[in-house]
Amino acid sequence: MTARPLAALVVLFFGCTTPAPPSPAQAYAQELEAAHLDAAYALTSPAFRAQVSAEEFRLRFADPAARQARATAVKEGLSELARAAPELFGGASAELPEAVVLRFATAVRAGHFDQAWRCLSAALRQRYSPETLSRDFSTEPTGASRLEQATRAAEGIAVREGNSVRFPLPGGGAVVVLQESDGWRLGALE
């Protein structure tokens, strides 16, 4: 395996995440959008329910436009909160890009290439399987040192560029982690 494909695999593994279940607020917005008013009401706080009856709630959100407006406001608030306090959301939204790199390295060192493969970007997962990833790492003489170099880079200062984060490598190049729809994924080792 050449250094470039190995680097790509290393980068992909660092992005492994497990999607988090919806927060109560996300579930509330979804229930409003689906017109499941009893389910939405059940997700409100006890203090709210002490002040607003289920019947009043159903009347308030009987109009589809009112439901949609409230669901939109909740989701917009969640987006801002997720950016400001990702630790409240768990899963992919809370994982830092550098953690993906460290998780990838840990999986490769332990020989868990199925876990390492899930850390790769969608593009890399199309090019590799857990088996080819394992074979490439076992036959590449510089694989262990490149993995160590990527781990050290992830401990350094990251440069964010849109939906990607670059961790510069000594002597040039970088470990690139991409934010995809399902979380951070390893995209490249340049």
N, C-alpha and C. Protein backbone atom coordinates (compact mmCIF):
# COMPACT_ATOMS: atom_id res chain seq x y z
N MET A 1 0.86 -1.20 0.00
CA MET A 1 0.00 0.00 0.00
C MET A 1 0.88 1.23 0.00
N THR A 2 0.55 2.20 -0.79
CA THR A 2 1.35 3.41 -0.84
C THR A 2 1.02 4.28 0.36
N ALA A 3 1.84 5.29 0.59
CA ALA A 3 1.63 6.17 1.74
C ALA A 3 0.32 6.94 1.62
N ARG A 4 -0.05 7.36 0.42
CA ARG A 4 -1.28 8.14 0.24
C ARG A 4 -2.53 7.35 0.60
N PRO A 5 -2.74 6.12 0.10
CA PRO A 5 -3.94 5.38 0.51
C PRO A 5 -3.95 5.08 2.00
N LEU A 6 -2.79 4.76 2.56
CA LEU A 6 -2.74 4.50 4.00
C LEU A 6 -3.14 5.75 4.77
N ALA A 7 -2.65 6.87 4.32
CA ALA A 7 -3.00 8.12 4.98
C ALA A 7 -4.50 8.37 4.90
N ALA A 8 -5.08 8.09 3.76
CA ALA A 8 -6.52 8.30 3.61
C ALA A 8 -7.29 7.41 4.56
N LEU A 9 -6.85 6.20 4.72
CA LEU A 9 -7.52 5.28 5.63
C LEU A 9 -7.39 5.73 7.07
N VAL A 10 -6.22 6.20 7.41
CA VAL A 10 -5.99 6.67 8.77
C VAL A 10 -6.93 7.83 9.07
N VAL A 11 -7.06 8.72 8.13
CA VAL A 11 -7.93 9.88 8.34
C VAL A 11 -9.37 9.45 8.47
N LEU A 12 -9.80 8.50 7.69
CA LEU A 12 -11.18 8.07 7.72
C LEU A 12 -11.56 7.46 9.05
N PHE A 13 -10.68 6.72 9.64
CA PHE A 13 -10.99 6.02 10.88
C PHE A 13 -11.24 6.99 12.02
N PHE A 14 -10.64 8.13 12.02
CA PHE A 14 -10.76 9.06 13.13
C PHE A 14 -12.13 9.66 13.25
N GLY A 15 -12.96 9.56 12.28
CA GLY A 15 -14.28 10.18 12.30
C GLY A 15 -15.38 9.28 12.79
N CYS A 16 -15.11 8.15 13.40
CA CYS A 16 -16.16 7.23 13.84
C CYS A 16 -17.01 7.86 14.93
N THR A 17 -18.29 7.75 14.73
CA THR A 17 -19.21 8.23 15.76
C THR A 17 -20.48 7.41 15.72
N THR A 18 -21.20 7.50 16.76
CA THR A 18 -22.51 6.87 16.82
C THR A 18 -23.53 7.99 16.96
N PRO A 19 -24.55 8.01 16.08
CA PRO A 19 -25.52 9.08 16.18
C PRO A 19 -26.23 9.06 17.53
N ALA A 20 -26.45 10.24 18.07
CA ALA A 20 -27.14 10.35 19.36
C ALA A 20 -28.65 10.30 19.13
N PRO A 21 -29.39 9.78 20.11
CA PRO A 21 -30.84 9.82 19.98
C PRO A 21 -31.31 11.27 20.04
N PRO A 22 -32.50 11.57 19.53
CA PRO A 22 -32.95 12.95 19.57
C PRO A 22 -33.12 13.43 21.01
N SER A 23 -32.78 14.68 21.24
CA SER A 23 -32.98 15.27 22.56
C SER A 23 -34.49 15.44 22.76
N PRO A 24 -34.93 15.66 24.01
CA PRO A 24 -36.35 15.91 24.22
C PRO A 24 -36.87 17.08 23.38
N ALA A 25 -36.05 18.12 23.24
CA ALA A 25 -36.50 19.27 22.45
C ALA A 25 -36.63 18.89 20.97
N GLN A 26 -35.69 18.10 20.44
CA GLN A 26 -35.79 17.65 19.05
C GLN A 26 -37.05 16.80 18.88
N ALA A 27 -37.28 15.90 19.82
CA ALA A 27 -38.46 15.05 19.75
C ALA A 27 -39.74 15.90 19.81
N TYR A 28 -39.73 16.93 20.65
CA TYR A 28 -40.88 17.83 20.78
C TYR A 28 -41.18 18.50 19.43
N ALA A 29 -40.14 19.03 18.79
CA ALA A 29 -40.32 19.68 17.49
C ALA A 29 -40.85 18.67 16.45
N GLN A 30 -40.34 17.46 16.47
CA GLN A 30 -40.79 16.44 15.52
C GLN A 30 -42.26 16.08 15.76
N GLU A 31 -42.62 15.96 17.02
CA GLU A 31 -44.02 15.63 17.33
C GLU A 31 -44.96 16.76 16.91
N LEU A 32 -44.55 18.00 17.11
CA LEU A 32 -45.38 19.12 16.66
C LEU A 32 -45.54 19.09 15.15
N GLU A 33 -44.45 18.89 14.43
CA GLU A 33 -44.51 18.85 12.97
C GLU A 33 -45.41 17.72 12.47
N ALA A 34 -45.42 16.61 13.19
CA ALA A 34 -46.23 15.45 12.80
C ALA A 34 -47.67 15.55 13.30
N ALA A 35 -47.99 16.65 13.99
CA ALA A 35 -49.32 16.88 14.56
C ALA A 35 -49.69 15.84 15.62
N HIS A 36 -48.70 15.32 16.30
CA HIS A 36 -48.92 14.39 17.43
C HIS A 36 -48.92 15.23 18.70
N LEU A 37 -50.02 15.93 18.91
CA LEU A 37 -50.08 16.91 20.00
C LEU A 37 -50.02 16.29 21.38
N ASP A 38 -50.63 15.15 21.57
CA ASP A 38 -50.56 14.51 22.89
C ASP A 38 -49.13 14.09 23.21
N ALA A 39 -48.44 13.56 22.21
CA ALA A 39 -47.04 13.17 22.41
C ALA A 39 -46.17 14.39 22.67
N ALA A 40 -46.41 15.48 21.95
CA ALA A 40 -45.65 16.71 22.17
C ALA A 40 -45.91 17.25 23.57
N TYR A 41 -47.15 17.26 23.98
CA TYR A 41 -47.52 17.75 25.32
C TYR A 41 -46.83 16.91 26.40
N ALA A 42 -46.75 15.60 26.19
CA ALA A 42 -46.10 14.72 27.17
C ALA A 42 -44.62 15.04 27.33
N LEU A 43 -44.02 15.66 26.34
CA LEU A 43 -42.60 16.02 26.41
C LEU A 43 -42.35 17.36 27.11
N THR A 44 -43.39 18.09 27.41
CA THR A 44 -43.21 19.38 28.09
C THR A 44 -42.88 19.15 29.56
N SER A 45 -42.42 20.18 30.21
CA SER A 45 -42.00 20.07 31.61
C SER A 45 -43.22 20.00 32.54
N PRO A 46 -43.03 19.42 33.72
CA PRO A 46 -44.12 19.40 34.70
C PRO A 46 -44.61 20.81 35.05
N ALA A 47 -43.70 21.77 35.12
CA ALA A 47 -44.10 23.14 35.44
C ALA A 47 -45.01 23.71 34.35
N PHE A 48 -44.69 23.42 33.10
CA PHE A 48 -45.54 23.87 31.99
C PHE A 48 -46.91 23.21 32.08
N ARG A 49 -46.92 21.90 32.29
CA ARG A 49 -48.20 21.17 32.36
C ARG A 49 -49.04 21.62 33.55
N ALA A 50 -48.41 22.13 34.59
CA ALA A 50 -49.17 22.65 35.74
C ALA A 50 -49.89 23.94 35.38
N GLN A 51 -49.39 24.66 34.37
CA GLN A 51 -49.99 25.93 33.99
C GLN A 51 -50.88 25.83 32.75
N VAL A 52 -50.59 24.85 31.88
CA VAL A 52 -51.32 24.72 30.61
C VAL A 52 -51.86 23.30 30.53
N SER A 53 -53.16 23.17 30.40
CA SER A 53 -53.76 21.84 30.30
C SER A 53 -53.52 21.24 28.92
N ALA A 54 -53.72 19.94 28.82
CA ALA A 54 -53.56 19.26 27.52
C ALA A 54 -54.55 19.84 26.50
N GLU A 55 -55.76 20.14 26.95
CA GLU A 55 -56.77 20.71 26.05
C GLU A 55 -56.33 22.09 25.55
N GLU A 56 -55.83 22.93 26.45
CA GLU A 56 -55.34 24.26 26.04
C GLU A 56 -54.18 24.12 25.06
N PHE A 57 -53.31 23.16 25.31
CA PHE A 57 -52.18 22.91 24.42
C PHE A 57 -52.66 22.52 23.03
N ARG A 58 -53.63 21.58 22.98
CA ARG A 58 -54.17 21.14 21.68
C ARG A 58 -54.81 22.31 20.93
N LEU A 59 -55.52 23.17 21.65
CA LEU A 59 -56.13 24.34 21.02
C LEU A 59 -55.06 25.30 20.49
N ARG A 60 -54.02 25.50 21.29
CA ARG A 60 -52.94 26.42 20.90
C ARG A 60 -52.29 25.98 19.61
N PHE A 61 -52.13 24.66 19.43
CA PHE A 61 -51.41 24.14 18.27
C PHE A 61 -52.31 23.38 17.29
N ALA A 62 -53.59 23.69 17.31
CA ALA A 62 -54.51 23.07 16.35
C ALA A 62 -54.21 23.53 14.92
N ASP A 63 -53.75 24.75 14.78
CA ASP A 63 -53.44 25.31 13.47
C ASP A 63 -52.06 24.81 13.01
N PRO A 64 -51.97 24.22 11.80
CA PRO A 64 -50.68 23.73 11.30
C PRO A 64 -49.61 24.81 11.25
N ALA A 65 -49.98 26.04 10.92
CA ALA A 65 -48.99 27.12 10.86
C ALA A 65 -48.41 27.40 12.25
N ALA A 66 -49.24 27.35 13.28
CA ALA A 66 -48.75 27.58 14.65
C ALA A 66 -47.81 26.45 15.06
N ARG A 67 -48.14 25.21 14.71
CA ARG A 67 -47.27 24.07 15.03
C ARG A 67 -45.93 24.22 14.33
N GLN A 68 -45.98 24.55 13.05
CA GLN A 68 -44.74 24.67 12.28
C GLN A 68 -43.88 25.82 12.80
N ALA A 69 -44.51 26.93 13.13
CA ALA A 69 -43.75 28.08 13.64
C ALA A 69 -43.04 27.70 14.95
N ARG A 70 -43.75 27.01 15.84
CA ARG A 70 -43.15 26.63 17.11
C ARG A 70 -42.05 25.59 16.91
N ALA A 71 -42.28 24.61 16.04
CA ALA A 71 -41.26 23.60 15.76
C ALA A 71 -40.01 24.24 15.17
N THR A 72 -40.19 25.18 14.27
CA THR A 72 -39.05 25.89 13.67
C THR A 72 -38.28 26.67 14.72
N ALA A 73 -38.99 27.37 15.60
CA ALA A 73 -38.32 28.13 16.66
C ALA A 73 -37.52 27.21 17.58
N VAL A 74 -38.08 26.06 17.91
CA VAL A 74 -37.37 25.11 18.78
C VAL A 74 -36.11 24.60 18.08
N LYS A 75 -36.24 24.22 16.80
CA LYS A 75 -35.08 23.69 16.07
C LYS A 75 -33.99 24.75 15.88
N GLU A 76 -34.40 25.98 15.62
CA GLU A 76 -33.40 27.05 15.48
C GLU A 76 -32.67 27.28 16.79
N GLY A 77 -33.42 27.24 17.88
CA GLY A 77 -32.79 27.38 19.20
C GLY A 77 -31.84 26.23 19.49
N LEU A 78 -32.23 25.03 19.08
CA LEU A 78 -31.37 23.86 19.29
C LEU A 78 -30.09 23.97 18.50
N SER A 79 -30.18 24.46 17.27
CA SER A 79 -28.98 24.61 16.45
C SER A 79 -27.98 25.53 17.13
N GLU A 80 -28.47 26.63 17.65
CA GLU A 80 -27.58 27.57 18.34
C GLU A 80 -27.02 26.95 19.61
N LEU A 81 -27.85 26.26 20.36
CA LEU A 81 -27.39 25.61 21.59
C LEU A 81 -26.37 24.52 21.28
N ALA A 82 -26.60 23.75 20.23
CA ALA A 82 -25.66 22.69 19.86
C ALA A 82 -24.29 23.27 19.52
N ARG A 83 -24.26 24.43 18.86
CA ARG A 83 -22.98 25.07 18.56
C ARG A 83 -22.32 25.61 19.82
N ALA A 84 -23.12 26.16 20.74
CA ALA A 84 -22.58 26.76 21.94
C ALA A 84 -22.24 25.74 23.03
N ALA A 85 -22.98 24.64 23.10
CA ALA A 85 -22.78 23.65 24.16
C ALA A 85 -22.95 22.23 23.63
N PRO A 86 -22.02 21.76 22.78
CA PRO A 86 -22.17 20.43 22.19
C PRO A 86 -22.15 19.31 23.23
N GLU A 87 -21.60 19.58 24.39
CA GLU A 87 -21.54 18.55 25.43
C GLU A 87 -22.93 18.14 25.93
N LEU A 88 -23.94 18.93 25.64
CA LEU A 88 -25.30 18.60 26.05
C LEU A 88 -25.98 17.62 25.11
N PHE A 89 -25.41 17.37 23.95
CA PHE A 89 -26.10 16.60 22.93
C PHE A 89 -25.55 15.21 22.71
N GLY A 90 -24.37 14.90 23.19
CA GLY A 90 -23.82 13.56 23.06
C GLY A 90 -23.55 13.19 21.62
N GLY A 91 -23.07 11.98 21.42
CA GLY A 91 -22.84 11.44 20.08
C GLY A 91 -21.97 12.33 19.22
N ALA A 92 -22.29 12.36 17.96
CA ALA A 92 -21.48 13.04 16.98
C ALA A 92 -21.37 14.52 17.26
N SER A 93 -22.42 15.15 17.75
CA SER A 93 -22.37 16.59 17.93
C SER A 93 -21.43 17.00 19.05
N ALA A 94 -21.13 16.09 19.96
CA ALA A 94 -20.26 16.43 21.07
C ALA A 94 -18.82 16.00 20.81
N GLU A 95 -18.62 15.10 19.89
CA GLU A 95 -17.27 14.60 19.65
C GLU A 95 -16.45 15.65 18.95
N LEU A 96 -15.27 15.87 19.45
CA LEU A 96 -14.36 16.81 18.83
C LEU A 96 -13.64 16.13 17.68
N PRO A 97 -13.25 16.88 16.66
CA PRO A 97 -12.56 16.27 15.52
C PRO A 97 -11.32 15.48 15.93
N GLU A 98 -10.57 15.99 16.90
CA GLU A 98 -9.35 15.29 17.31
C GLU A 98 -9.66 13.94 17.96
N ALA A 99 -10.83 13.82 18.59
CA ALA A 99 -11.20 12.54 19.21
C ALA A 99 -11.39 11.45 18.16
N VAL A 100 -11.84 11.85 16.98
CA VAL A 100 -12.02 10.88 15.89
C VAL A 100 -10.67 10.30 15.49
N VAL A 101 -9.68 11.14 15.41
CA VAL A 101 -8.33 10.71 15.04
C VAL A 101 -7.81 9.73 16.10
N LEU A 102 -7.97 10.07 17.35
CA LEU A 102 -7.49 9.22 18.43
C LEU A 102 -8.25 7.89 18.47
N ARG A 103 -9.54 7.93 18.21
CA ARG A 103 -10.34 6.71 18.20
C ARG A 103 -9.93 5.80 17.04
N PHE A 104 -9.65 6.39 15.91
CA PHE A 104 -9.19 5.63 14.76
C PHE A 104 -7.88 4.93 15.08
N ALA A 105 -6.94 5.69 15.62
CA ALA A 105 -5.63 5.12 15.96
C ALA A 105 -5.77 3.99 16.98
N THR A 106 -6.60 4.17 17.95
CA THR A 106 -6.82 3.13 18.97
C THR A 106 -7.38 1.86 18.34
N ALA A 107 -8.35 2.01 17.45
CA ALA A 107 -8.95 0.85 16.79
C ALA A 107 -7.94 0.12 15.91
N VAL A 108 -7.13 0.87 15.17
CA VAL A 108 -6.13 0.24 14.30
C VAL A 108 -5.12 -0.51 15.15
N ARG A 109 -4.62 0.13 16.20
CA ARG A 109 -3.63 -0.53 17.07
C ARG A 109 -4.19 -1.80 17.69
N ALA A 110 -5.49 -1.82 17.99
CA ALA A 110 -6.12 -2.99 18.60
C ALA A 110 -6.53 -4.03 17.56
N GLY A 111 -6.36 -3.70 16.28
CA GLY A 111 -6.74 -4.62 15.22
C GLY A 111 -8.24 -4.68 14.96
N HIS A 112 -8.97 -3.67 15.39
CA HIS A 112 -10.42 -3.60 15.19
C HIS A 112 -10.70 -2.78 13.92
N PHE A 113 -10.43 -3.38 12.78
CA PHE A 113 -10.53 -2.64 11.53
C PHE A 113 -11.96 -2.37 11.10
N ASP A 114 -12.92 -3.12 11.62
CA ASP A 114 -14.32 -2.80 11.34
C ASP A 114 -14.67 -1.46 12.00
N GLN A 115 -14.17 -1.23 13.21
CA GLN A 115 -14.41 0.05 13.88
C GLN A 115 -13.64 1.17 13.20
N ALA A 116 -12.41 0.87 12.80
CA ALA A 116 -11.60 1.87 12.10
C ALA A 116 -12.26 2.29 10.79
N TRP A 117 -12.78 1.32 10.06
CA TRP A 117 -13.42 1.59 8.77
C TRP A 117 -14.62 2.52 8.94
N ARG A 118 -15.38 2.35 10.01
CA ARG A 118 -16.56 3.21 10.24
C ARG A 118 -16.15 4.65 10.53
N CYS A 119 -14.91 4.87 10.86
CA CYS A 119 -14.43 6.23 11.13
C CYS A 119 -14.08 6.98 9.85
N LEU A 120 -14.00 6.29 8.75
CA LEU A 120 -13.60 6.90 7.49
C LEU A 120 -14.74 7.72 6.89
N SER A 121 -14.38 8.67 6.06
CA SER A 121 -15.38 9.46 5.34
C SER A 121 -16.14 8.52 4.40
N ALA A 122 -17.27 8.99 3.96
CA ALA A 122 -18.09 8.19 3.03
C ALA A 122 -17.29 7.83 1.79
N ALA A 123 -16.52 8.76 1.27
CA ALA A 123 -15.73 8.49 0.06
C ALA A 123 -14.69 7.39 0.32
N LEU A 124 -14.05 7.41 1.46
CA LEU A 124 -13.05 6.39 1.77
C LEU A 124 -13.71 5.04 2.07
N ARG A 125 -14.87 5.06 2.69
CA ARG A 125 -15.57 3.79 2.95
C ARG A 125 -15.96 3.12 1.64
N GLN A 126 -16.18 3.90 0.59
CA GLN A 126 -16.49 3.31 -0.71
C GLN A 126 -15.26 2.66 -1.33
N ARG A 127 -14.09 3.20 -1.04
CA ARG A 127 -12.84 2.68 -1.62
C ARG A 127 -12.26 1.51 -0.84
N TYR A 128 -12.57 1.41 0.45
CA TYR A 128 -11.97 0.41 1.31
C TYR A 128 -13.02 -0.42 2.02
N SER A 129 -12.60 -1.60 2.42
CA SER A 129 -13.41 -2.45 3.30
C SER A 129 -12.57 -2.64 4.57
N PRO A 130 -13.16 -3.15 5.65
CA PRO A 130 -12.35 -3.44 6.83
C PRO A 130 -11.19 -4.39 6.50
N GLU A 131 -11.43 -5.33 5.59
CA GLU A 131 -10.39 -6.29 5.23
C GLU A 131 -9.24 -5.63 4.49
N THR A 132 -9.56 -4.75 3.51
CA THR A 132 -8.48 -4.08 2.78
C THR A 132 -7.75 -3.11 3.69
N LEU A 133 -8.46 -2.51 4.60
CA LEU A 133 -7.82 -1.62 5.57
C LEU A 133 -6.83 -2.40 6.43
N SER A 134 -7.23 -3.54 6.91
CA SER A 134 -6.36 -4.40 7.72
C SER A 134 -5.14 -4.82 6.91
N ARG A 135 -5.37 -5.26 5.70
CA ARG A 135 -4.26 -5.71 4.85
C ARG A 135 -3.29 -4.56 4.57
N ASP A 136 -3.82 -3.39 4.27
CA ASP A 136 -2.95 -2.25 3.99
C ASP A 136 -2.10 -1.87 5.20
N PHE A 137 -2.71 -1.87 6.37
CA PHE A 137 -1.95 -1.51 7.56
C PHE A 137 -0.91 -2.58 7.91
N SER A 138 -1.21 -3.84 7.65
CA SER A 138 -0.26 -4.89 8.00
C SER A 138 0.90 -4.98 7.01
N THR A 139 0.69 -4.50 5.78
CA THR A 139 1.77 -4.58 4.78
C THR A 139 2.53 -3.28 4.59
N GLU A 140 2.03 -2.20 5.10
CA GLU A 140 2.69 -0.90 4.92
C GLU A 140 3.76 -0.73 6.00
N PRO A 141 5.03 -0.66 5.61
CA PRO A 141 6.10 -0.57 6.61
C PRO A 141 6.06 0.72 7.44
N THR A 142 5.52 1.79 6.89
CA THR A 142 5.49 3.06 7.64
C THR A 142 4.14 3.30 8.31
N GLY A 143 3.27 2.32 8.29
CA GLY A 143 1.92 2.48 8.83
C GLY A 143 1.90 2.90 10.29
N ALA A 144 2.67 2.21 11.13
CA ALA A 144 2.68 2.52 12.56
C ALA A 144 3.22 3.92 12.82
N SER A 145 4.27 4.30 12.12
CA SER A 145 4.84 5.64 12.36
C SER A 145 3.90 6.73 11.84
N ARG A 146 3.23 6.48 10.73
CA ARG A 146 2.28 7.48 10.21
C ARG A 146 1.09 7.62 11.15
N LEU A 147 0.68 6.51 11.75
CA LEU A 147 -0.42 6.55 12.71
C LEU A 147 -0.02 7.35 13.95
N GLU A 148 1.20 7.15 14.41
CA GLU A 148 1.71 7.91 15.56
C GLU A 148 1.81 9.40 15.22
N GLN A 149 2.26 9.71 14.03
CA GLN A 149 2.37 11.09 13.58
C GLN A 149 0.99 11.75 13.53
N ALA A 150 0.00 11.02 13.05
CA ALA A 150 -1.36 11.56 13.00
C ALA A 150 -1.90 11.80 14.40
N THR A 151 -1.60 10.89 15.32
CA THR A 151 -2.04 11.06 16.72
C THR A 151 -1.43 12.31 17.33
N ARG A 152 -0.14 12.51 17.11
CA ARG A 152 0.52 13.72 17.64
C ARG A 152 -0.07 14.98 17.01
N ALA A 153 -0.37 14.93 15.72
CA ALA A 153 -0.95 16.09 15.04
C ALA A 153 -2.30 16.44 15.65
N ALA A 154 -3.10 15.43 16.01
CA ALA A 154 -4.42 15.67 16.59
C ALA A 154 -4.34 16.34 17.96
N GLU A 155 -3.18 16.28 18.59
CA GLU A 155 -2.98 16.95 19.88
C GLU A 155 -2.54 18.40 19.69
N GLY A 156 -2.31 18.80 18.44
CA GLY A 156 -1.85 20.15 18.15
C GLY A 156 -3.00 21.10 17.88
N ILE A 157 -2.67 22.20 17.25
CA ILE A 157 -3.64 23.25 16.95
C ILE A 157 -4.31 22.95 15.62
N ALA A 158 -5.63 22.91 15.65
CA ALA A 158 -6.41 22.61 14.45
C ALA A 158 -6.75 23.89 13.70
N VAL A 159 -6.92 23.75 12.40
CA VAL A 159 -7.33 24.85 11.54
C VAL A 159 -8.66 24.45 10.92
N ARG A 160 -9.70 25.20 11.25
CA ARG A 160 -11.04 24.89 10.73
C ARG A 160 -11.25 25.62 9.41
N GLU A 161 -11.75 24.87 8.43
CA GLU A 161 -12.03 25.42 7.10
C GLU A 161 -13.39 24.90 6.66
N GLY A 162 -14.44 25.64 6.93
CA GLY A 162 -15.78 25.18 6.58
C GLY A 162 -16.17 23.95 7.38
N ASN A 163 -16.46 22.86 6.66
CA ASN A 163 -16.85 21.61 7.31
C ASN A 163 -15.68 20.65 7.47
N SER A 164 -14.47 21.18 7.46
CA SER A 164 -13.31 20.32 7.66
C SER A 164 -12.38 20.95 8.69
N VAL A 165 -11.60 20.09 9.30
CA VAL A 165 -10.59 20.52 10.27
C VAL A 165 -9.28 19.88 9.84
N ARG A 166 -8.24 20.71 9.76
CA ARG A 166 -6.91 20.23 9.37
C ARG A 166 -6.00 20.29 10.60
N PHE A 167 -5.31 19.17 10.82
CA PHE A 167 -4.30 19.11 11.87
C PHE A 167 -2.96 19.03 11.16
N PRO A 168 -2.20 20.15 11.13
CA PRO A 168 -0.93 20.16 10.40
C PRO A 168 0.06 19.11 10.94
N LEU A 169 0.78 18.49 9.99
CA LEU A 169 1.80 17.50 10.33
C LEU A 169 3.18 18.15 10.26
N PRO A 170 4.10 17.74 11.10
CA PRO A 170 5.46 18.27 11.00
C PRO A 170 6.03 17.94 9.62
N GLY A 171 6.66 18.89 9.02
CA GLY A 171 7.24 18.67 7.70
C GLY A 171 6.27 18.82 6.55
N GLY A 172 5.05 19.26 6.83
CA GLY A 172 4.08 19.48 5.77
C GLY A 172 2.95 18.46 5.77
N GLY A 173 1.90 18.81 5.08
CA GLY A 173 0.72 17.96 5.03
C GLY A 173 -0.13 18.13 6.27
N ALA A 174 -1.20 17.35 6.34
CA ALA A 174 -2.11 17.47 7.47
C ALA A 174 -3.01 16.25 7.55
N VAL A 175 -3.55 16.02 8.73
CA VAL A 175 -4.63 15.07 8.92
C VAL A 175 -5.90 15.89 8.73
N VAL A 176 -6.81 15.44 7.87
CA VAL A 176 -8.02 16.18 7.57
C VAL A 176 -9.22 15.38 8.08
N VAL A 177 -10.03 16.03 8.89
CA VAL A 177 -11.25 15.43 9.42
C VAL A 177 -12.42 16.22 8.85
N LEU A 178 -13.40 15.49 8.33
CA LEU A 178 -14.55 16.11 7.66
C LEU A 178 -15.80 15.94 8.51
N GLN A 179 -16.62 16.97 8.55
CA GLN A 179 -17.90 16.84 9.21
C GLN A 179 -18.92 16.42 8.17
N GLU A 180 -19.42 15.19 8.33
CA GLU A 180 -20.42 14.65 7.42
C GLU A 180 -21.75 14.60 8.15
N SER A 181 -22.79 14.17 7.48
CA SER A 181 -24.11 14.19 8.07
C SER A 181 -24.22 13.35 9.34
N ASP A 182 -23.37 12.34 9.47
CA ASP A 182 -23.42 11.47 10.64
C ASP A 182 -22.27 11.71 11.62
N GLY A 183 -21.57 12.83 11.49
CA GLY A 183 -20.52 13.19 12.43
C GLY A 183 -19.18 13.38 11.76
N TRP A 184 -18.15 13.52 12.58
CA TRP A 184 -16.79 13.73 12.09
C TRP A 184 -16.25 12.42 11.54
N ARG A 185 -15.57 12.52 10.39
CA ARG A 185 -14.99 11.35 9.72
C ARG A 185 -13.60 11.70 9.22
N LEU A 186 -12.73 10.72 9.23
CA LEU A 186 -11.38 10.88 8.75
C LEU A 186 -11.43 11.01 7.22
N GLY A 187 -10.86 12.08 6.70
CA GLY A 187 -10.93 12.33 5.27
C GLY A 187 -9.63 12.17 4.53
N ALA A 188 -8.49 12.48 5.18
CA ALA A 188 -7.21 12.40 4.47
C ALA A 188 -6.05 12.54 5.44
N LEU A 189 -4.94 12.01 4.98
CA LEU A 189 -3.66 12.25 5.61
C LEU A 189 -2.75 12.70 4.48
N GLU A 190 -2.61 14.01 4.41
CA GLU A 190 -1.89 14.59 3.26
C GLU A 190 -0.39 14.54 3.46
